[in-house]
Amino acid sequence: MSLSELASRPAAFLLHLECLDRAALSDAFANEVIQAGGTYIVPTATRRTTSHLVEISLYGVTGRGTSEAAAIADWRAAARRANLGGLRE
């Protein structure tokens, strides 16, 4: 992957999210975490974690919430505030 592709990937991902319904967002984030490197932590009753919150960390931006939907919304807002990919709200 070239440097220009790496630089444009976060912007492309943010634009892609705008086209998805709520049901597809979790899959999109899980796939992007795998492809781009990041973390997607969903606590379960059988797996001990350090928090009860869902946490998504991708492209240097972290989102947290009490559900996957809340963590995704928090990540998207944080990415916009950080001007990730050169895109603003």
C-alpha atoms as a PDB file:
ATOM      1  CA  MET A   1       0.000   0.000   0.000  1.00  0.00           C
ATOM      2  CA  SER A   2       1.434   3.373  -1.003  1.00  0.00           C
ATOM      3  CA  LEU A   3       1.734   6.417   1.245  1.00  0.00           C
ATOM      4  CA  SER A   4      -0.963   8.270  -0.692  1.00  0.00           C
ATOM      5  CA  GLU A   5      -3.326   5.318  -0.272  1.00  0.00           C
ATOM      6  CA  LEU A   6      -2.639   5.275   3.473  1.00  0.00           C
ATOM      7  CA  ALA A   7      -3.314   9.004   3.735  1.00  0.00           C
ATOM      8  CA  SER A   8      -6.607   8.828   1.843  1.00  0.00           C
ATOM      9  CA  ARG A   9      -7.903   5.663   3.501  1.00  0.00           C
ATOM     10  CA  PRO A  10      -9.343   7.376   6.623  1.00  0.00           C
ATOM     11  CA  ALA A  11     -11.231   9.898   4.467  1.00  0.00           C
ATOM     12  CA  ALA A  12     -12.554   7.131   2.237  1.00  0.00           C
ATOM     13  CA  PHE A  13     -13.670   5.147   5.275  1.00  0.00           C
ATOM     14  CA  LEU A  14     -15.521   8.140   6.749  1.00  0.00           C
ATOM     15  CA  LEU A  15     -17.302   8.748   3.444  1.00  0.00           C
ATOM     16  CA  HIS A  16     -18.181   5.052   3.186  1.00  0.00           C
ATOM     17  CA  LEU A  17     -19.804   5.158   6.635  1.00  0.00           C
ATOM     18  CA  GLU A  18     -22.274   7.779   5.402  1.00  0.00           C
ATOM     19  CA  CYS A  19     -23.700   5.219   2.951  1.00  0.00           C
ATOM     20  CA  LEU A  20     -24.337   2.504   5.535  1.00  0.00           C
ATOM     21  CA  ASP A  21     -27.340   1.753   7.690  1.00  0.00           C
ATOM     22  CA  ARG A  22     -26.919   1.117  11.405  1.00  0.00           C
ATOM     23  CA  ALA A  23     -26.851  -2.658  10.955  1.00  0.00           C
ATOM     24  CA  ALA A  24     -23.876  -2.522   8.562  1.00  0.00           C
ATOM     25  CA  LEU A  25     -21.766  -0.130  10.656  1.00  0.00           C
ATOM     26  CA  SER A  26     -20.469  -2.785  13.087  1.00  0.00           C
ATOM     27  CA  ASP A  27     -19.282  -4.965  10.210  1.00  0.00           C
ATOM     28  CA  ALA A  28     -17.664  -1.998   8.471  1.00  0.00           C
ATOM     29  CA  PHE A  29     -15.737  -1.072  11.625  1.00  0.00           C
ATOM     30  CA  ALA A  30     -14.697  -4.657  12.315  1.00  0.00           C
ATOM     31  CA  ASN A  31     -13.412  -5.056   8.759  1.00  0.00           C
ATOM     32  CA  GLU A  32     -11.564  -1.726   8.806  1.00  0.00           C
ATOM     33  CA  VAL A  33      -9.910  -2.581  12.141  1.00  0.00           C
ATOM     34  CA  ILE A  34      -8.668  -5.840  10.619  1.00  0.00           C
ATOM     35  CA  GLN A  35      -7.448  -4.242   7.396  1.00  0.00           C
ATOM     36  CA  ALA A  36      -5.962  -1.012   8.783  1.00  0.00           C
ATOM     37  CA  GLY A  37      -4.932  -2.140  12.256  1.00  0.00           C
ATOM     38  CA  GLY A  38      -6.811  -1.048  15.329  1.00  0.00           C
ATOM     39  CA  THR A  39      -8.848  -2.442  18.194  1.00  0.00           C
ATOM     40  CA  TYR A  40     -12.525  -3.288  18.553  1.00  0.00           C
ATOM     41  CA  ILE A  41     -13.249  -4.432  22.093  1.00  0.00           C
ATOM     42  CA  VAL A  42     -16.707  -5.617  23.093  1.00  0.00           C
ATOM     43  CA  PRO A  43     -16.883  -6.830  26.689  1.00  0.00           C
ATOM     44  CA  THR A  44     -18.776 -10.043  27.334  1.00  0.00           C
ATOM     45  CA  ALA A  45     -19.902 -11.820  30.463  1.00  0.00           C
ATOM     46  CA  THR A  46     -17.331 -14.584  29.936  1.00  0.00           C
ATOM     47  CA  ARG A  47     -14.360 -12.424  28.945  1.00  0.00           C
ATOM     48  CA  ARG A  48     -12.809 -10.108  31.507  1.00  0.00           C
ATOM     49  CA  THR A  49     -11.918  -6.679  30.220  1.00  0.00           C
ATOM     50  CA  THR A  50     -10.685  -3.566  31.925  1.00  0.00           C
ATOM     51  CA  SER A  51     -13.937  -1.733  31.245  1.00  0.00           C
ATOM     52  CA  HIS A  52     -17.629  -2.351  30.738  1.00  0.00           C
ATOM     53  CA  LEU A  53     -17.542  -0.043  27.716  1.00  0.00           C
ATOM     54  CA  VAL A  54     -17.229  -0.962  24.050  1.00  0.00           C
ATOM     55  CA  GLU A  55     -14.041   0.616  22.678  1.00  0.00           C
ATOM     56  CA  ILE A  56     -13.031   1.199  19.071  1.00  0.00           C
ATOM     57  CA  SER A  57      -9.603   2.567  18.225  1.00  0.00           C
ATOM     58  CA  LEU A  58      -8.783   3.203  14.578  1.00  0.00           C
ATOM     59  CA  TYR A  59      -6.553   5.693  12.737  1.00  0.00           C
ATOM     60  CA  GLY A  60      -5.455   7.206  16.042  1.00  0.00           C
ATOM     61  CA  VAL A  61      -9.034   7.977  17.084  1.00  0.00           C
ATOM     62  CA  THR A  62     -10.825   6.220  19.954  1.00  0.00           C
ATOM     63  CA  GLY A  63     -14.553   5.956  20.544  1.00  0.00           C
ATOM     64  CA  ARG A  64     -16.232   4.505  23.615  1.00  0.00           C
ATOM     65  CA  GLY A  65     -19.810   3.771  24.539  1.00  0.00           C
ATOM     66  CA  THR A  66     -22.119   1.510  26.501  1.00  0.00           C
ATOM     67  CA  SER A  67     -23.069  -0.262  23.254  1.00  0.00           C
ATOM     68  CA  GLU A  68     -21.471  -0.848  19.859  1.00  0.00           C
ATOM     69  CA  ALA A  69     -23.760   1.777  18.334  1.00  0.00           C
ATOM     70  CA  ALA A  70     -22.749   4.332  20.984  1.00  0.00           C
ATOM     71  CA  ALA A  71     -19.034   3.585  20.517  1.00  0.00           C
ATOM     72  CA  ILE A  72     -19.377   3.948  16.741  1.00  0.00           C
ATOM     73  CA  ALA A  73     -21.198   7.267  17.120  1.00  0.00           C
ATOM     74  CA  ASP A  74     -18.514   8.468  19.553  1.00  0.00           C
ATOM     75  CA  TRP A  75     -15.722   7.402  17.186  1.00  0.00           C
ATOM     76  CA  ARG A  76     -17.332   9.156  14.229  1.00  0.00           C
ATOM     77  CA  ALA A  77     -17.758  12.379  16.207  1.00  0.00           C
ATOM     78  CA  ALA A  78     -14.160  12.210  17.465  1.00  0.00           C
ATOM     79  CA  ALA A  79     -12.871  11.552  13.932  1.00  0.00           C
ATOM     80  CA  ARG A  80     -14.696  14.624  12.638  1.00  0.00           C
ATOM     81  CA  ARG A  81     -13.386  16.767  15.506  1.00  0.00           C
ATOM     82  CA  ALA A  82      -9.867  15.561  14.746  1.00  0.00           C
ATOM     83  CA  ASN A  83     -10.421  16.397  11.061  1.00  0.00           C
ATOM     84  CA  LEU A  84      -9.483  12.814  10.206  1.00  0.00           C
ATOM     85  CA  GLY A  85      -8.897  12.530   6.505  1.00  0.00           C
ATOM     86  CA  GLY A  86      -9.395  16.267   6.010  1.00  0.00           C
ATOM     87  CA  LEU A  87     -13.174  16.042   6.437  1.00  0.00           C
ATOM     88  CA  ARG A  88     -15.185  18.266   8.746  1.00  0.00           C
ATOM     89  CA  GLU A  89     -18.782  18.075   9.936  1.00  0.00           C
END
